[in-house]
């Protein structure tokens, strides 16, 4: 009988899934199909901890379905992460010729005083001011995952080393 590998630390899983708001009937947030499955190194903080925890022990061919509770995936929605700034201040660092027209709903990069870059959603733009939301777009949401494990294999040392190095580089930037 073949040795079947299960999802665990230092494995690479190939998945297809549908992510919805709330439950199996909720609006679709993301759909990943077999044409372009998601491939992830497990056990190295590549994906949400709660997602990875729910996939532990599954093997190729297994189906999964679970709910990630409100705020458990991307944190609680924090009103303090919604700020209003003068548009001129926001655009001060952008050369006039390159200044894009900011629209409500846009996701824009914003640097703080230390040069750290964050993503913000433009909620409102009026009277020369822009209201930005620095919460993750799925913060405070209940998420429903349903899918299938296509394959699981042991990760190569090269894959593990590359992920460790990428993780160290991102921590240096923080």
N, C-alpha and C. Protein backbone atom coordinates (compact mmCIF):
# COMPACT_ATOMS: atom_id res chain seq x y z
N UNK A 1 0.84 -1.19 0.00
CA UNK A 1 0.00 0.00 0.00
C UNK A 1 0.87 1.24 0.00
N UNK A 2 0.49 2.24 -0.76
CA UNK A 2 1.29 3.46 -0.90
C UNK A 2 1.28 4.25 0.41
N UNK A 3 2.40 4.91 0.66
CA UNK A 3 2.53 5.76 1.84
C UNK A 3 1.87 7.09 1.53
N UNK A 4 0.73 7.37 2.15
CA UNK A 4 -0.01 8.59 1.88
C UNK A 4 0.45 9.69 2.82
N UNK A 5 0.84 10.81 2.25
CA UNK A 5 1.34 11.94 3.04
C UNK A 5 0.15 12.81 3.45
N UNK A 6 0.17 13.20 4.70
CA UNK A 6 -0.88 14.07 5.23
C UNK A 6 -0.33 15.48 5.40
N UNK A 7 -1.22 16.47 5.35
CA UNK A 7 -0.82 17.86 5.54
C UNK A 7 -0.26 18.03 6.94
N UNK A 8 0.93 18.59 7.02
CA UNK A 8 1.60 18.87 8.28
C UNK A 8 2.79 19.77 7.99
N UNK A 9 3.57 20.05 9.01
CA UNK A 9 4.74 20.92 8.85
C UNK A 9 5.66 20.35 7.77
N UNK A 10 6.20 21.24 6.97
CA UNK A 10 7.13 20.89 5.90
C UNK A 10 6.52 20.03 4.80
N UNK A 11 5.21 20.22 4.56
CA UNK A 11 4.59 19.61 3.39
C UNK A 11 4.10 20.73 2.48
N UNK A 12 3.90 20.39 1.24
CA UNK A 12 3.34 21.34 0.27
C UNK A 12 2.00 20.77 -0.15
N UNK A 13 0.95 21.55 0.05
CA UNK A 13 -0.40 21.11 -0.29
C UNK A 13 -0.91 21.91 -1.49
N UNK A 14 -1.59 21.22 -2.35
CA UNK A 14 -2.24 21.84 -3.51
C UNK A 14 -3.74 21.74 -3.26
N UNK A 15 -4.41 22.89 -3.25
CA UNK A 15 -5.82 22.97 -2.85
C UNK A 15 -6.67 23.69 -3.88
N UNK A 16 -7.94 23.33 -3.92
CA UNK A 16 -8.96 24.11 -4.60
C UNK A 16 -10.01 24.42 -3.54
N UNK A 17 -10.61 25.60 -3.63
CA UNK A 17 -11.59 25.96 -2.60
C UNK A 17 -12.46 27.11 -3.05
N UNK A 18 -13.55 27.26 -2.32
CA UNK A 18 -14.41 28.43 -2.45
C UNK A 18 -14.48 29.07 -1.07
N UNK A 19 -14.23 30.36 -1.02
CA UNK A 19 -14.29 31.13 0.22
C UNK A 19 -15.50 32.05 0.10
N UNK A 20 -16.39 31.96 1.11
CA UNK A 20 -17.62 32.76 1.12
C UNK A 20 -17.75 33.51 2.43
N UNK A 21 -18.56 34.56 2.40
CA UNK A 21 -18.95 35.24 3.63
C UNK A 21 -19.95 34.35 4.36
N UNK A 22 -19.84 34.27 5.66
CA UNK A 22 -20.82 33.68 6.58
C UNK A 22 -21.01 32.18 6.50
N UNK A 23 -21.56 31.65 5.39
CA UNK A 23 -21.90 30.23 5.33
C UNK A 23 -21.90 29.74 3.89
N UNK A 24 -22.35 28.51 3.67
CA UNK A 24 -22.30 27.90 2.34
C UNK A 24 -23.14 28.64 1.30
N UNK A 25 -24.06 29.50 1.74
CA UNK A 25 -24.89 30.26 0.80
C UNK A 25 -24.42 31.70 0.66
N UNK A 26 -23.38 32.08 1.39
CA UNK A 26 -22.89 33.46 1.38
C UNK A 26 -22.28 33.86 0.04
N UNK A 27 -22.10 35.16 -0.14
CA UNK A 27 -21.46 35.68 -1.35
C UNK A 27 -20.04 35.14 -1.46
N UNK A 28 -19.62 34.84 -2.68
CA UNK A 28 -18.27 34.31 -2.92
C UNK A 28 -17.25 35.45 -2.82
N UNK A 29 -16.21 35.21 -2.03
CA UNK A 29 -15.10 36.14 -1.88
C UNK A 29 -14.00 35.75 -2.86
N UNK A 30 -13.71 34.45 -2.90
CA UNK A 30 -12.62 33.95 -3.76
C UNK A 30 -12.92 32.52 -4.13
N UNK A 31 -12.58 32.17 -5.37
CA UNK A 31 -12.74 30.80 -5.82
C UNK A 31 -11.46 30.39 -6.54
N UNK A 32 -10.90 29.27 -6.09
CA UNK A 32 -9.67 28.74 -6.68
C UNK A 32 -10.01 27.38 -7.27
N UNK A 33 -9.80 27.22 -8.58
CA UNK A 33 -10.19 25.97 -9.22
C UNK A 33 -8.97 25.16 -9.66
N UNK A 34 -9.23 24.02 -10.27
CA UNK A 34 -8.16 23.09 -10.64
C UNK A 34 -7.27 23.62 -11.77
N UNK A 35 -7.74 24.63 -12.51
CA UNK A 35 -6.89 25.22 -13.56
C UNK A 35 -5.70 25.93 -12.93
N UNK A 36 -5.93 26.60 -11.79
CA UNK A 36 -4.87 27.31 -11.07
C UNK A 36 -5.03 27.08 -9.58
N UNK A 37 -4.73 25.86 -9.11
CA UNK A 37 -4.90 25.58 -7.68
C UNK A 37 -3.91 26.37 -6.83
N UNK A 38 -4.26 26.52 -5.55
CA UNK A 38 -3.35 27.17 -4.61
C UNK A 38 -2.35 26.13 -4.12
N UNK A 39 -1.09 26.49 -4.11
CA UNK A 39 -0.04 25.62 -3.59
C UNK A 39 0.62 26.36 -2.44
N UNK A 40 0.70 25.68 -1.27
CA UNK A 40 1.23 26.37 -0.09
C UNK A 40 2.13 25.45 0.72
N UNK A 41 3.23 26.02 1.19
CA UNK A 41 4.12 25.35 2.12
C UNK A 41 3.47 25.44 3.49
N UNK A 42 3.32 24.33 4.15
CA UNK A 42 2.63 24.29 5.43
C UNK A 42 3.62 24.37 6.60
N UNK A 43 3.16 25.01 7.67
CA UNK A 43 3.94 25.08 8.89
C UNK A 43 4.95 26.21 8.95
N UNK A 44 4.84 27.18 8.05
CA UNK A 44 5.80 28.28 8.00
C UNK A 44 5.12 29.64 7.88
N UNK A 45 3.92 29.76 8.42
CA UNK A 45 3.18 31.03 8.44
C UNK A 45 2.94 31.61 7.05
N UNK A 46 2.75 30.73 6.07
CA UNK A 46 2.46 31.18 4.71
C UNK A 46 0.99 31.58 4.60
N UNK A 47 0.14 30.84 5.29
CA UNK A 47 -1.30 31.14 5.25
C UNK A 47 -1.80 31.37 6.67
N UNK A 48 -3.04 31.77 6.78
CA UNK A 48 -3.63 32.01 8.09
C UNK A 48 -3.46 30.79 8.99
N UNK A 49 -3.08 31.03 10.23
CA UNK A 49 -2.88 29.93 11.18
C UNK A 49 -4.15 29.10 11.33
N UNK A 50 -5.30 29.76 11.46
CA UNK A 50 -6.56 29.05 11.65
C UNK A 50 -6.92 28.21 10.42
N UNK A 51 -6.60 28.68 9.24
CA UNK A 51 -6.83 27.91 8.02
C UNK A 51 -5.93 26.67 8.00
N UNK A 52 -4.67 26.88 8.28
CA UNK A 52 -3.72 25.77 8.28
C UNK A 52 -4.10 24.73 9.34
N UNK A 53 -4.54 25.19 10.49
CA UNK A 53 -4.93 24.29 11.59
C UNK A 53 -6.09 23.39 11.13
N UNK A 54 -7.02 23.95 10.38
CA UNK A 54 -8.16 23.18 9.89
C UNK A 54 -7.79 22.18 8.79
N UNK A 55 -6.68 22.39 8.14
CA UNK A 55 -6.24 21.50 7.06
C UNK A 55 -5.31 20.38 7.55
N UNK A 56 -4.79 20.53 8.77
CA UNK A 56 -3.84 19.54 9.32
C UNK A 56 -4.42 18.13 9.24
N UNK A 57 -3.60 17.19 8.80
CA UNK A 57 -3.98 15.79 8.77
C UNK A 57 -4.75 15.36 7.55
N UNK A 58 -5.15 16.29 6.70
CA UNK A 58 -5.86 15.92 5.48
C UNK A 58 -4.86 15.39 4.45
N UNK A 59 -5.36 14.62 3.50
CA UNK A 59 -4.50 14.07 2.45
C UNK A 59 -5.18 14.23 1.10
N UNK A 60 -4.45 13.91 0.04
CA UNK A 60 -4.98 14.06 -1.32
C UNK A 60 -6.32 13.35 -1.43
N UNK A 61 -7.28 14.06 -2.03
CA UNK A 61 -8.62 13.50 -2.22
C UNK A 61 -9.60 13.89 -1.13
N UNK A 62 -9.12 14.34 0.02
CA UNK A 62 -10.01 14.74 1.12
C UNK A 62 -10.72 16.04 0.79
N UNK A 63 -11.99 16.10 1.16
CA UNK A 63 -12.78 17.33 1.06
C UNK A 63 -12.78 18.00 2.42
N UNK A 64 -12.92 19.32 2.43
CA UNK A 64 -12.99 20.03 3.71
C UNK A 64 -14.05 21.11 3.63
N UNK A 65 -14.59 21.43 4.80
CA UNK A 65 -15.56 22.51 4.93
C UNK A 65 -15.51 22.96 6.38
N UNK A 66 -15.29 24.24 6.60
CA UNK A 66 -15.25 24.77 7.95
C UNK A 66 -15.52 26.27 7.93
N UNK A 67 -15.87 26.77 9.10
CA UNK A 67 -16.15 28.20 9.27
C UNK A 67 -15.09 28.79 10.18
N UNK A 68 -14.57 29.93 9.78
CA UNK A 68 -13.65 30.70 10.62
C UNK A 68 -14.49 31.83 11.20
N UNK A 69 -14.61 31.83 12.52
CA UNK A 69 -15.49 32.76 13.21
C UNK A 69 -15.14 34.22 12.99
N UNK A 70 -16.11 35.06 13.29
CA UNK A 70 -15.98 36.50 13.12
C UNK A 70 -14.71 37.02 13.78
N UNK A 71 -13.85 37.63 12.98
CA UNK A 71 -12.63 38.22 13.49
C UNK A 71 -11.49 37.25 13.74
N UNK A 72 -11.75 35.94 13.66
CA UNK A 72 -10.72 34.95 13.95
C UNK A 72 -9.67 34.87 12.84
N UNK A 73 -10.07 35.14 11.61
CA UNK A 73 -9.14 35.03 10.49
C UNK A 73 -8.24 36.25 10.34
N UNK A 74 -8.85 37.42 10.23
CA UNK A 74 -8.10 38.65 9.96
C UNK A 74 -8.26 39.68 11.07
N UNK A 75 -8.68 39.23 12.23
CA UNK A 75 -8.83 40.12 13.37
C UNK A 75 -10.18 40.83 13.39
N UNK A 76 -10.45 41.45 14.51
CA UNK A 76 -11.68 42.23 14.66
C UNK A 76 -11.56 43.53 13.86
N UNK A 77 -12.67 44.06 13.42
CA UNK A 77 -12.68 45.35 12.75
C UNK A 77 -12.40 46.42 13.80
N UNK A 78 -11.43 47.28 13.53
CA UNK A 78 -11.01 48.30 14.49
C UNK A 78 -11.30 49.69 13.93
N UNK A 79 -12.25 50.38 14.54
CA UNK A 79 -12.63 51.73 14.09
C UNK A 79 -11.45 52.71 14.14
N UNK A 80 -10.49 52.44 15.03
CA UNK A 80 -9.33 53.33 15.15
C UNK A 80 -8.40 53.24 13.93
N UNK A 81 -8.61 52.24 13.10
CA UNK A 81 -7.80 52.11 11.88
C UNK A 81 -8.45 52.84 10.69
N UNK A 82 -9.49 53.60 10.96
CA UNK A 82 -10.13 54.43 9.95
C UNK A 82 -9.75 55.87 10.26
N UNK A 83 -9.06 56.52 9.32
CA UNK A 83 -8.57 57.89 9.54
C UNK A 83 -8.92 58.78 8.36
N UNK A 84 -9.06 60.06 8.64
CA UNK A 84 -9.30 61.05 7.60
C UNK A 84 -8.11 61.99 7.55
N UNK A 85 -7.57 62.17 6.35
CA UNK A 85 -6.40 63.03 6.17
C UNK A 85 -6.65 64.00 5.02
N UNK A 86 -5.98 65.14 5.05
CA UNK A 86 -6.09 66.05 3.90
C UNK A 86 -5.53 65.38 2.65
N UNK A 87 -6.23 65.49 1.53
CA UNK A 87 -5.77 64.86 0.30
C UNK A 87 -4.40 65.40 -0.10
N UNK A 88 -4.16 66.69 0.11
CA UNK A 88 -2.87 67.29 -0.26
C UNK A 88 -1.73 66.63 0.52
N UNK A 89 -1.97 66.31 1.79
CA UNK A 89 -0.95 65.64 2.61
C UNK A 89 -0.69 64.24 2.09
N UNK A 90 -1.75 63.56 1.70
CA UNK A 90 -1.63 62.19 1.18
C UNK A 90 -0.84 62.18 -0.13
N UNK A 91 -1.03 63.18 -0.95
CA UNK A 91 -0.40 63.23 -2.27
C UNK A 91 0.93 63.98 -2.27
N UNK A 92 1.38 64.48 -1.12
CA UNK A 92 2.57 65.32 -1.04
C UNK A 92 3.83 64.65 -1.59
N UNK A 93 3.97 63.36 -1.43
CA UNK A 93 5.18 62.65 -1.86
C UNK A 93 5.13 62.20 -3.32
N UNK A 94 3.98 62.35 -3.96
CA UNK A 94 3.83 61.88 -5.33
C UNK A 94 4.11 63.03 -6.29
N UNK A 95 5.03 62.84 -7.26
CA UNK A 95 5.27 63.91 -8.24
C UNK A 95 3.97 64.28 -8.95
N UNK A 96 3.77 65.56 -9.18
CA UNK A 96 2.51 66.06 -9.77
C UNK A 96 2.13 65.33 -11.06
N UNK A 97 3.11 65.04 -11.90
CA UNK A 97 2.80 64.38 -13.17
C UNK A 97 2.34 62.94 -12.98
N UNK A 98 2.77 62.31 -11.87
CA UNK A 98 2.43 60.91 -11.62
C UNK A 98 1.23 60.75 -10.69
N UNK A 99 0.68 61.85 -10.21
CA UNK A 99 -0.39 61.78 -9.21
C UNK A 99 -1.64 61.13 -9.80
N UNK A 100 -1.99 59.94 -9.28
CA UNK A 100 -3.20 59.28 -9.77
C UNK A 100 -4.44 59.94 -9.15
N UNK A 101 -5.54 59.80 -9.81
CA UNK A 101 -6.80 60.30 -9.26
C UNK A 101 -7.32 59.23 -8.30
N UNK A 102 -7.42 59.56 -7.04
CA UNK A 102 -7.87 58.61 -6.02
C UNK A 102 -9.40 58.54 -6.09
N UNK A 103 -9.90 57.31 -6.11
CA UNK A 103 -11.34 57.08 -6.16
C UNK A 103 -11.78 56.27 -4.95
N UNK A 104 -13.02 56.43 -4.52
CA UNK A 104 -13.56 55.61 -3.45
C UNK A 104 -13.50 54.15 -3.87
N UNK A 105 -13.07 53.30 -2.94
CA UNK A 105 -12.93 51.88 -3.22
C UNK A 105 -11.52 51.47 -3.62
N UNK A 106 -10.68 52.44 -4.01
CA UNK A 106 -9.30 52.13 -4.38
C UNK A 106 -8.53 51.60 -3.17
N UNK A 107 -7.60 50.71 -3.42
CA UNK A 107 -6.65 50.26 -2.39
C UNK A 107 -5.33 50.92 -2.75
N UNK A 108 -4.82 51.72 -1.82
CA UNK A 108 -3.61 52.48 -2.11
C UNK A 108 -2.53 52.21 -1.07
N UNK A 109 -1.25 52.30 -1.48
CA UNK A 109 -0.16 52.18 -0.51
C UNK A 109 0.05 53.52 0.20
N UNK A 110 0.28 53.45 1.51
CA UNK A 110 0.51 54.65 2.31
C UNK A 110 1.70 54.37 3.22
N UNK A 111 2.67 55.29 3.24
CA UNK A 111 3.84 55.14 4.11
C UNK A 111 3.66 55.95 5.39
N UNK A 112 4.13 55.36 6.50
CA UNK A 112 4.10 56.12 7.75
C UNK A 112 5.39 56.93 7.87
N UNK A 113 5.57 57.60 9.00
CA UNK A 113 6.74 58.47 9.21
C UNK A 113 8.07 57.71 9.17
N UNK A 114 8.01 56.40 9.45
CA UNK A 114 9.22 55.57 9.45
C UNK A 114 9.49 54.90 8.11
N UNK A 115 8.64 55.20 7.12
CA UNK A 115 8.82 54.63 5.79
C UNK A 115 8.21 53.25 5.63
N UNK A 116 7.44 52.78 6.62
CA UNK A 116 6.77 51.48 6.53
C UNK A 116 5.51 51.65 5.69
N UNK A 117 5.32 50.75 4.73
CA UNK A 117 4.20 50.86 3.81
C UNK A 117 3.02 50.00 4.27
N UNK A 118 1.82 50.57 4.21
CA UNK A 118 0.58 49.89 4.56
C UNK A 118 -0.38 50.03 3.38
N UNK A 119 -1.35 49.13 3.32
CA UNK A 119 -2.40 49.23 2.31
C UNK A 119 -3.64 49.82 2.98
N UNK A 120 -4.32 50.71 2.29
CA UNK A 120 -5.53 51.33 2.82
C UNK A 120 -6.59 51.37 1.74
N UNK A 121 -7.84 51.21 2.15
CA UNK A 121 -8.97 51.33 1.24
C UNK A 121 -9.52 52.76 1.37
N UNK A 122 -9.74 53.40 0.24
CA UNK A 122 -10.31 54.74 0.24
C UNK A 122 -11.82 54.59 0.45
N UNK A 123 -12.30 55.04 1.62
CA UNK A 123 -13.73 54.94 1.93
C UNK A 123 -14.52 56.11 1.40
N UNK A 124 -13.93 57.31 1.54
CA UNK A 124 -14.66 58.52 1.17
C UNK A 124 -13.67 59.59 0.75
N UNK A 125 -14.09 60.42 -0.17
CA UNK A 125 -13.26 61.53 -0.63
C UNK A 125 -14.18 62.73 -0.83
N UNK A 126 -14.00 63.74 0.02
CA UNK A 126 -14.83 64.94 -0.13
C UNK A 126 -14.19 66.12 0.59
N UNK A 127 -14.46 67.29 0.08
CA UNK A 127 -13.98 68.54 0.68
C UNK A 127 -12.47 68.55 0.92
N UNK A 128 -11.70 67.97 -0.03
CA UNK A 128 -10.25 67.98 0.09
C UNK A 128 -9.70 67.01 1.11
N UNK A 129 -10.56 66.13 1.63
CA UNK A 129 -10.12 65.13 2.61
C UNK A 129 -10.42 63.73 2.10
N UNK A 130 -9.58 62.78 2.57
CA UNK A 130 -9.75 61.39 2.18
C UNK A 130 -9.85 60.55 3.45
N UNK A 131 -10.87 59.70 3.51
CA UNK A 131 -11.03 58.78 4.64
C UNK A 131 -10.49 57.42 4.21
N UNK A 132 -9.51 56.93 4.98
CA UNK A 132 -8.82 55.68 4.67
C UNK A 132 -9.11 54.64 5.74
N UNK A 133 -9.24 53.38 5.31
CA UNK A 133 -9.46 52.26 6.22
C UNK A 133 -8.25 51.33 6.11
N UNK A 134 -7.53 51.21 7.23
CA UNK A 134 -6.33 50.37 7.27
C UNK A 134 -6.62 48.95 7.77
N UNK A 135 -7.88 48.62 8.05
CA UNK A 135 -8.25 47.25 8.42
C UNK A 135 -8.09 46.35 7.20
N UNK A 136 -7.80 45.07 7.44
CA UNK A 136 -7.83 44.10 6.35
C UNK A 136 -9.27 44.06 5.82
N UNK A 137 -9.46 43.94 4.51
CA UNK A 137 -10.83 43.92 3.97
C UNK A 137 -11.73 42.84 4.57
N UNK A 138 -11.15 41.77 5.10
CA UNK A 138 -11.96 40.70 5.69
C UNK A 138 -11.96 40.73 7.23
N UNK A 139 -11.43 41.80 7.82
CA UNK A 139 -11.43 41.93 9.28
C UNK A 139 -12.87 41.93 9.79
N UNK A 140 -13.09 41.18 10.87
CA UNK A 140 -14.40 41.13 11.50
C UNK A 140 -15.42 40.26 10.79
N UNK A 141 -15.03 39.60 9.72
CA UNK A 141 -15.97 38.78 8.94
C UNK A 141 -15.94 37.32 9.37
N UNK A 142 -17.07 36.65 9.23
CA UNK A 142 -17.15 35.20 9.37
C UNK A 142 -16.90 34.63 7.98
N UNK A 143 -16.00 33.65 7.89
CA UNK A 143 -15.59 33.12 6.59
C UNK A 143 -15.91 31.63 6.50
N UNK A 144 -16.40 31.21 5.37
CA UNK A 144 -16.75 29.81 5.13
C UNK A 144 -15.84 29.27 4.03
N UNK A 145 -15.05 28.25 4.36
CA UNK A 145 -14.16 27.60 3.40
C UNK A 145 -14.73 26.23 3.06
N UNK A 146 -14.71 25.90 1.77
CA UNK A 146 -15.12 24.58 1.33
C UNK A 146 -14.24 24.22 0.15
N UNK A 147 -13.65 23.03 0.17
CA UNK A 147 -12.78 22.67 -0.94
C UNK A 147 -12.29 21.25 -0.88
N UNK A 148 -11.18 21.03 -1.59
CA UNK A 148 -10.63 19.69 -1.72
C UNK A 148 -9.11 19.78 -1.78
N UNK A 149 -8.45 18.80 -1.19
CA UNK A 149 -6.99 18.68 -1.27
C UNK A 149 -6.67 17.88 -2.53
N UNK A 150 -5.94 18.49 -3.44
CA UNK A 150 -5.57 17.80 -4.68
C UNK A 150 -4.35 16.92 -4.49
N UNK A 151 -3.35 17.46 -3.77
CA UNK A 151 -2.13 16.67 -3.55
C UNK A 151 -1.40 17.18 -2.32
N UNK A 152 -0.59 16.31 -1.75
CA UNK A 152 0.27 16.66 -0.62
C UNK A 152 1.59 15.95 -0.85
N UNK A 153 2.67 16.69 -0.67
CA UNK A 153 4.00 16.10 -0.81
C UNK A 153 4.94 16.72 0.21
N UNK A 154 6.02 16.06 0.47
CA UNK A 154 7.04 16.63 1.35
C UNK A 154 7.69 17.82 0.64
N UNK A 155 7.93 18.87 1.38
CA UNK A 155 8.59 20.06 0.82
C UNK A 155 10.07 19.76 0.62
N UNK A 156 10.66 20.38 -0.37
CA UNK A 156 12.10 20.25 -0.57
C UNK A 156 12.80 21.20 0.40
N UNK A 157 14.03 20.92 0.72
CA UNK A 157 14.79 21.81 1.60
C UNK A 157 14.92 23.19 0.97
N UNK A 158 15.01 23.23 -0.34
CA UNK A 158 15.10 24.51 -1.06
C UNK A 158 13.83 25.35 -0.85
N UNK A 159 12.66 24.72 -0.89
CA UNK A 159 11.40 25.43 -0.66
C UNK A 159 11.33 25.96 0.77
N UNK A 160 11.74 25.14 1.71
CA UNK A 160 11.72 25.54 3.12
C UNK A 160 12.69 26.70 3.35
N UNK A 161 13.90 26.57 2.84
CA UNK A 161 14.91 27.64 3.01
C UNK A 161 14.43 28.95 2.39
N UNK A 162 13.80 28.88 1.21
CA UNK A 162 13.32 30.09 0.54
C UNK A 162 12.24 30.76 1.37
N UNK A 163 11.36 29.98 1.97
CA UNK A 163 10.28 30.56 2.78
C UNK A 163 10.83 31.16 4.07
N UNK A 164 11.78 30.47 4.69
CA UNK A 164 12.40 30.99 5.92
C UNK A 164 13.08 32.32 5.61
N UNK A 165 13.81 32.39 4.51
CA UNK A 165 14.49 33.62 4.13
C UNK A 165 13.49 34.74 3.84
N UNK A 166 12.41 34.43 3.14
CA UNK A 166 11.38 35.43 2.84
C UNK A 166 10.74 35.93 4.14
N UNK A 167 10.51 35.03 5.07
CA UNK A 167 9.93 35.43 6.36
C UNK A 167 10.85 36.34 7.16
N UNK A 168 12.14 36.04 7.13
CA UNK A 168 13.11 36.88 7.84
C UNK A 168 13.18 38.27 7.20
N UNK A 169 13.13 38.35 5.88
CA UNK A 169 13.17 39.63 5.18
C UNK A 169 11.94 40.46 5.52
N UNK A 170 10.77 39.84 5.60
CA UNK A 170 9.56 40.61 5.92
C UNK A 170 9.58 41.08 7.37
N UNK A 171 10.16 40.31 8.28
CA UNK A 171 10.25 40.74 9.68
C UNK A 171 11.22 41.91 9.82
N UNK A 172 12.29 41.95 9.01
CA UNK A 172 13.24 43.04 9.04
C UNK A 172 12.54 44.34 8.64
N UNK A 173 11.63 44.28 7.65
CA UNK A 173 10.91 45.46 7.17
C UNK A 173 9.94 45.97 8.21
N UNK A 174 9.45 45.09 9.10
CA UNK A 174 8.49 45.50 10.12
C UNK A 174 9.22 46.26 11.15
